[in-house]
N, C-alpha and C. Protein backbone atom coordinates (compact mmCIF):
# COMPACT_ATOMS: atom_id res chain seq x y z
N MET A 1 20.39 50.32 -44.78
CA MET A 1 19.55 50.07 -43.62
C MET A 1 18.09 50.29 -43.97
N MET A 2 17.81 51.29 -44.79
CA MET A 2 16.42 51.55 -45.14
C MET A 2 15.85 50.38 -45.95
N SER A 3 16.65 49.78 -46.82
CA SER A 3 16.15 48.66 -47.60
C SER A 3 15.87 47.46 -46.71
N THR A 4 16.64 47.28 -45.64
CA THR A 4 16.39 46.18 -44.70
C THR A 4 15.08 46.41 -43.97
N THR A 5 14.80 47.63 -43.57
CA THR A 5 13.55 47.96 -42.90
C THR A 5 12.37 47.75 -43.85
N THR A 6 12.54 48.13 -45.10
CA THR A 6 11.48 47.96 -46.08
C THR A 6 11.21 46.47 -46.30
N ALA A 7 12.25 45.66 -46.33
CA ALA A 7 12.07 44.23 -46.52
C ALA A 7 11.35 43.61 -45.33
N ALA A 8 11.57 44.15 -44.12
CA ALA A 8 10.93 43.60 -42.93
C ALA A 8 9.45 43.94 -42.91
N GLU A 9 9.06 45.08 -43.44
CA GLU A 9 7.67 45.49 -43.42
C GLU A 9 6.77 44.53 -44.20
N PRO A 10 7.14 44.11 -45.42
CA PRO A 10 6.27 43.17 -46.12
C PRO A 10 6.12 41.85 -45.39
N GLU A 11 7.17 41.39 -44.67
CA GLU A 11 7.06 40.15 -43.91
C GLU A 11 5.97 40.28 -42.86
N THR A 12 5.89 41.42 -42.20
CA THR A 12 4.87 41.65 -41.20
C THR A 12 3.49 41.63 -41.84
N SER A 13 3.34 42.27 -43.00
CA SER A 13 2.05 42.28 -43.66
C SER A 13 1.68 40.90 -44.18
N ASN A 14 2.66 40.08 -44.60
CA ASN A 14 2.37 38.71 -45.03
C ASN A 14 1.86 37.88 -43.87
N THR A 15 2.41 38.09 -42.69
CA THR A 15 1.94 37.38 -41.51
C THR A 15 0.50 37.73 -41.23
N THR A 16 0.16 39.00 -41.38
CA THR A 16 -1.21 39.44 -41.16
C THR A 16 -2.15 38.81 -42.17
N SER A 17 -1.74 38.72 -43.46
CA SER A 17 -2.62 38.13 -44.47
C SER A 17 -2.77 36.63 -44.23
N SER A 18 -1.72 35.94 -43.77
CA SER A 18 -1.86 34.51 -43.50
C SER A 18 -2.76 34.27 -42.30
N GLU A 19 -2.74 35.20 -41.33
CA GLU A 19 -3.64 35.09 -40.19
C GLU A 19 -5.08 35.26 -40.66
N ALA A 20 -5.30 36.16 -41.62
CA ALA A 20 -6.64 36.36 -42.15
C ALA A 20 -7.12 35.12 -42.88
N VAL A 21 -6.24 34.43 -43.58
CA VAL A 21 -6.61 33.20 -44.28
C VAL A 21 -7.01 32.12 -43.29
N GLU A 22 -6.26 32.03 -42.19
CA GLU A 22 -6.57 31.02 -41.19
C GLU A 22 -7.91 31.27 -40.53
N SER A 23 -8.36 32.52 -40.45
CA SER A 23 -9.61 32.83 -39.77
C SER A 23 -10.83 32.74 -40.69
N THR A 24 -10.63 32.45 -41.99
CA THR A 24 -11.76 32.33 -42.89
C THR A 24 -12.54 31.06 -42.57
N PRO A 25 -13.87 31.08 -42.80
CA PRO A 25 -14.67 29.90 -42.49
C PRO A 25 -14.30 28.70 -43.36
N ILE A 26 -14.52 27.53 -42.85
CA ILE A 26 -14.17 26.30 -43.56
C ILE A 26 -14.97 26.19 -44.85
N ALA A 27 -16.21 26.64 -44.88
CA ALA A 27 -17.05 26.55 -46.07
C ALA A 27 -16.41 27.28 -47.26
N ALA A 28 -15.64 28.31 -47.01
CA ALA A 28 -15.00 29.07 -48.08
C ALA A 28 -13.87 28.28 -48.72
N LYS A 29 -13.40 27.23 -48.09
CA LYS A 29 -12.27 26.47 -48.60
C LYS A 29 -12.70 25.26 -49.43
N ARG A 30 -14.00 25.10 -49.70
CA ARG A 30 -14.48 23.95 -50.48
C ARG A 30 -14.07 24.10 -51.94
N SER A 31 -13.70 23.00 -52.53
CA SER A 31 -13.28 23.00 -53.92
C SER A 31 -14.45 22.54 -54.81
N PRO A 32 -14.37 22.78 -56.12
CA PRO A 32 -15.40 22.26 -57.02
C PRO A 32 -15.54 20.74 -56.93
N SER A 33 -14.44 20.06 -56.69
CA SER A 33 -14.48 18.61 -56.54
C SER A 33 -15.33 18.21 -55.32
N ASP A 34 -15.21 18.97 -54.23
CA ASP A 34 -16.01 18.71 -53.04
C ASP A 34 -17.50 18.89 -53.34
N PHE A 35 -17.83 19.93 -54.10
CA PHE A 35 -19.22 20.18 -54.48
C PHE A 35 -19.76 19.00 -55.29
N LEU A 36 -19.00 18.55 -56.28
CA LEU A 36 -19.47 17.47 -57.15
C LEU A 36 -19.66 16.17 -56.36
N LYS A 37 -18.79 15.90 -55.41
CA LYS A 37 -18.95 14.72 -54.57
C LYS A 37 -20.21 14.84 -53.72
N ALA A 38 -20.52 16.06 -53.27
CA ALA A 38 -21.68 16.28 -52.41
C ALA A 38 -22.99 16.13 -53.17
N VAL A 39 -23.04 16.47 -54.46
CA VAL A 39 -24.29 16.41 -55.21
C VAL A 39 -24.47 15.09 -55.97
N LEU A 40 -23.51 14.21 -55.90
CA LEU A 40 -23.62 12.91 -56.56
C LEU A 40 -24.82 12.16 -55.99
N GLY A 41 -25.72 11.72 -56.86
CA GLY A 41 -26.94 11.04 -56.42
C GLY A 41 -28.07 11.97 -56.05
N ARG A 42 -27.88 13.27 -56.25
CA ARG A 42 -28.90 14.27 -55.90
C ARG A 42 -29.36 15.00 -57.16
N PRO A 43 -30.51 15.66 -57.10
CA PRO A 43 -31.01 16.42 -58.26
C PRO A 43 -30.11 17.61 -58.60
N VAL A 44 -29.79 17.75 -59.89
CA VAL A 44 -28.94 18.85 -60.36
C VAL A 44 -29.53 19.45 -61.63
N ASN A 45 -29.05 20.63 -61.96
CA ASN A 45 -29.36 21.29 -63.22
C ASN A 45 -28.04 21.42 -63.97
N VAL A 46 -28.01 20.92 -65.21
CA VAL A 46 -26.81 21.02 -66.04
C VAL A 46 -27.13 21.93 -67.21
N ARG A 47 -26.39 23.03 -67.35
CA ARG A 47 -26.58 23.95 -68.47
C ARG A 47 -25.47 23.69 -69.48
N LEU A 48 -25.89 23.53 -70.75
CA LEU A 48 -24.93 23.33 -71.82
C LEU A 48 -24.52 24.66 -72.43
N ASN A 49 -23.45 24.66 -73.19
CA ASN A 49 -22.99 25.87 -73.88
C ASN A 49 -24.07 26.42 -74.82
N SER A 50 -24.93 25.56 -75.32
CA SER A 50 -26.00 25.97 -76.23
C SER A 50 -27.16 26.67 -75.51
N GLY A 51 -27.18 26.60 -74.18
CA GLY A 51 -28.26 27.20 -73.40
C GLY A 51 -29.31 26.20 -72.97
N THR A 52 -29.24 24.99 -73.46
CA THR A 52 -30.18 23.93 -73.07
C THR A 52 -29.89 23.48 -71.65
N ASP A 53 -30.97 23.27 -70.87
CA ASP A 53 -30.84 22.80 -69.50
C ASP A 53 -31.30 21.36 -69.40
N TYR A 54 -30.61 20.58 -68.58
CA TYR A 54 -31.02 19.22 -68.26
C TYR A 54 -31.15 19.14 -66.75
N LYS A 55 -32.32 18.71 -66.29
CA LYS A 55 -32.57 18.55 -64.86
C LYS A 55 -32.80 17.08 -64.58
N GLY A 56 -32.08 16.57 -63.59
CA GLY A 56 -32.22 15.17 -63.23
C GLY A 56 -31.29 14.81 -62.09
N VAL A 57 -31.19 13.54 -61.82
CA VAL A 57 -30.36 13.04 -60.73
C VAL A 57 -28.97 12.71 -61.28
N LEU A 58 -27.95 13.29 -60.68
CA LEU A 58 -26.56 13.06 -61.11
C LEU A 58 -26.14 11.64 -60.72
N ALA A 59 -25.97 10.78 -61.71
CA ALA A 59 -25.59 9.38 -61.44
C ALA A 59 -24.09 9.25 -61.29
N CYS A 60 -23.32 9.82 -62.22
CA CYS A 60 -21.86 9.78 -62.11
C CYS A 60 -21.24 10.78 -63.08
N LEU A 61 -19.98 11.07 -62.86
CA LEU A 61 -19.22 11.93 -63.76
C LEU A 61 -17.76 11.58 -63.64
N ASP A 62 -16.99 12.00 -64.65
CA ASP A 62 -15.56 11.70 -64.64
C ASP A 62 -14.74 12.98 -64.69
N GLY A 63 -13.44 12.84 -64.80
CA GLY A 63 -12.53 13.98 -64.80
C GLY A 63 -12.67 14.90 -66.00
N TYR A 64 -13.31 14.41 -67.05
CA TYR A 64 -13.54 15.23 -68.24
C TYR A 64 -14.90 15.92 -68.19
N MET A 65 -15.60 15.80 -67.07
CA MET A 65 -16.94 16.35 -66.86
C MET A 65 -17.99 15.65 -67.72
N ASN A 66 -17.70 14.43 -68.22
CA ASN A 66 -18.73 13.62 -68.85
C ASN A 66 -19.72 13.25 -67.75
N ILE A 67 -21.01 13.39 -68.04
CA ILE A 67 -22.03 13.27 -67.02
C ILE A 67 -23.03 12.19 -67.40
N ALA A 68 -23.44 11.39 -66.42
CA ALA A 68 -24.55 10.47 -66.56
C ALA A 68 -25.63 10.91 -65.58
N MET A 69 -26.85 11.05 -66.10
CA MET A 69 -27.98 11.48 -65.26
C MET A 69 -29.13 10.49 -65.41
N GLU A 70 -29.99 10.44 -64.41
CA GLU A 70 -31.19 9.62 -64.42
C GLU A 70 -32.40 10.53 -64.24
N GLN A 71 -33.57 10.06 -64.67
CA GLN A 71 -34.83 10.82 -64.54
C GLN A 71 -34.65 12.23 -65.10
N THR A 72 -34.12 12.32 -66.30
CA THR A 72 -33.70 13.60 -66.86
C THR A 72 -34.80 14.27 -67.67
N GLU A 73 -34.90 15.57 -67.50
CA GLU A 73 -35.82 16.41 -68.28
C GLU A 73 -35.00 17.43 -69.05
N GLU A 74 -35.34 17.64 -70.31
CA GLU A 74 -34.63 18.60 -71.16
C GLU A 74 -35.49 19.86 -71.31
N TYR A 75 -34.87 21.01 -71.07
CA TYR A 75 -35.55 22.30 -71.18
C TYR A 75 -34.82 23.17 -72.21
N VAL A 76 -35.57 23.66 -73.19
CA VAL A 76 -35.03 24.59 -74.18
C VAL A 76 -35.82 25.88 -74.03
N ASP A 77 -35.12 26.98 -73.82
CA ASP A 77 -35.75 28.29 -73.57
C ASP A 77 -36.76 28.23 -72.44
N GLY A 78 -36.46 27.43 -71.41
CA GLY A 78 -37.32 27.34 -70.23
C GLY A 78 -38.52 26.43 -70.40
N GLN A 79 -38.72 25.85 -71.57
CA GLN A 79 -39.86 24.97 -71.83
C GLN A 79 -39.42 23.51 -71.83
N LEU A 80 -40.18 22.66 -71.15
CA LEU A 80 -39.89 21.23 -71.13
C LEU A 80 -40.10 20.67 -72.54
N THR A 81 -39.05 20.07 -73.11
CA THR A 81 -39.14 19.55 -74.47
C THR A 81 -39.07 18.03 -74.52
N ALA A 82 -38.44 17.38 -73.55
CA ALA A 82 -38.32 15.92 -73.57
C ALA A 82 -38.01 15.39 -72.17
N LYS A 83 -38.37 14.12 -71.97
CA LYS A 83 -38.02 13.41 -70.74
C LYS A 83 -37.26 12.15 -71.13
N TYR A 84 -36.17 11.88 -70.41
CA TYR A 84 -35.33 10.72 -70.68
C TYR A 84 -35.17 9.92 -69.39
N GLY A 85 -35.06 8.61 -69.53
CA GLY A 85 -34.75 7.78 -68.36
C GLY A 85 -33.31 7.99 -67.94
N ASP A 86 -32.41 7.80 -68.89
CA ASP A 86 -30.98 8.02 -68.66
C ASP A 86 -30.46 9.01 -69.69
N CYS A 87 -29.48 9.79 -69.30
CA CYS A 87 -28.93 10.81 -70.19
C CYS A 87 -27.42 10.84 -70.00
N PHE A 88 -26.70 10.89 -71.11
CA PHE A 88 -25.25 10.99 -71.07
C PHE A 88 -24.85 12.27 -71.79
N ILE A 89 -24.05 13.10 -71.13
CA ILE A 89 -23.65 14.39 -71.69
C ILE A 89 -22.13 14.44 -71.76
N ARG A 90 -21.62 14.76 -72.93
CA ARG A 90 -20.17 14.90 -73.10
C ARG A 90 -19.69 16.16 -72.38
N GLY A 91 -18.61 16.05 -71.64
CA GLY A 91 -18.14 17.11 -70.77
C GLY A 91 -17.80 18.42 -71.45
N ASN A 92 -17.33 18.40 -72.70
CA ASN A 92 -16.95 19.66 -73.34
C ASN A 92 -18.16 20.53 -73.69
N ASN A 93 -19.37 19.99 -73.55
CA ASN A 93 -20.59 20.77 -73.80
C ASN A 93 -21.13 21.44 -72.54
N VAL A 94 -20.59 21.12 -71.37
CA VAL A 94 -21.14 21.58 -70.10
C VAL A 94 -20.63 22.98 -69.76
N LEU A 95 -21.59 23.88 -69.52
CA LEU A 95 -21.26 25.23 -69.06
C LEU A 95 -21.15 25.24 -67.55
N TYR A 96 -22.17 24.68 -66.86
CA TYR A 96 -22.10 24.57 -65.40
C TYR A 96 -23.04 23.49 -64.89
N ILE A 97 -22.82 23.10 -63.64
CA ILE A 97 -23.69 22.17 -62.92
C ILE A 97 -24.09 22.87 -61.64
N SER A 98 -25.39 22.91 -61.37
CA SER A 98 -25.86 23.51 -60.11
C SER A 98 -26.77 22.53 -59.40
N ALA A 99 -26.81 22.62 -58.08
CA ALA A 99 -27.66 21.75 -57.27
C ALA A 99 -29.08 22.30 -57.25
N GLN A 100 -30.06 21.41 -57.24
CA GLN A 100 -31.45 21.80 -57.10
C GLN A 100 -31.85 21.60 -55.65
N LYS A 101 -32.68 22.49 -55.14
CA LYS A 101 -33.13 22.34 -53.76
C LYS A 101 -34.09 21.16 -53.63
N LYS A 102 -35.03 21.06 -54.58
CA LYS A 102 -35.98 19.94 -54.58
C LYS A 102 -36.12 19.43 -55.99
N ARG A 103 -36.49 18.17 -56.12
CA ARG A 103 -36.75 17.60 -57.44
C ARG A 103 -38.02 18.23 -57.99
N GLY A 104 -37.96 18.72 -59.24
CA GLY A 104 -39.13 19.30 -59.88
C GLY A 104 -39.26 20.81 -59.66
N SER A 105 -38.32 21.41 -58.93
CA SER A 105 -38.42 22.87 -58.73
C SER A 105 -37.58 23.64 -59.69
């Protein structure tokens, strides 16, 4: 009988945790895919594994994180080193992609 009572207690706590999940804000449920769809066509910062940053407009990307950017600027150690019209980055070099609030900031 004690084991039956113990088994019932976790069910009650699971119900409580599922209720907590339902009450979380919708913004917390966004996936990385949702973020990438939202920033498509907008200014982004792409950091490579080497530490180099590329700032520009995200033109397109694929499932391998291969990236095409327009109006791209290359920054090494925080210093602008080059400007490109179009830029293609192989996905295995990408550390992260972040959204920029404004172009040029």
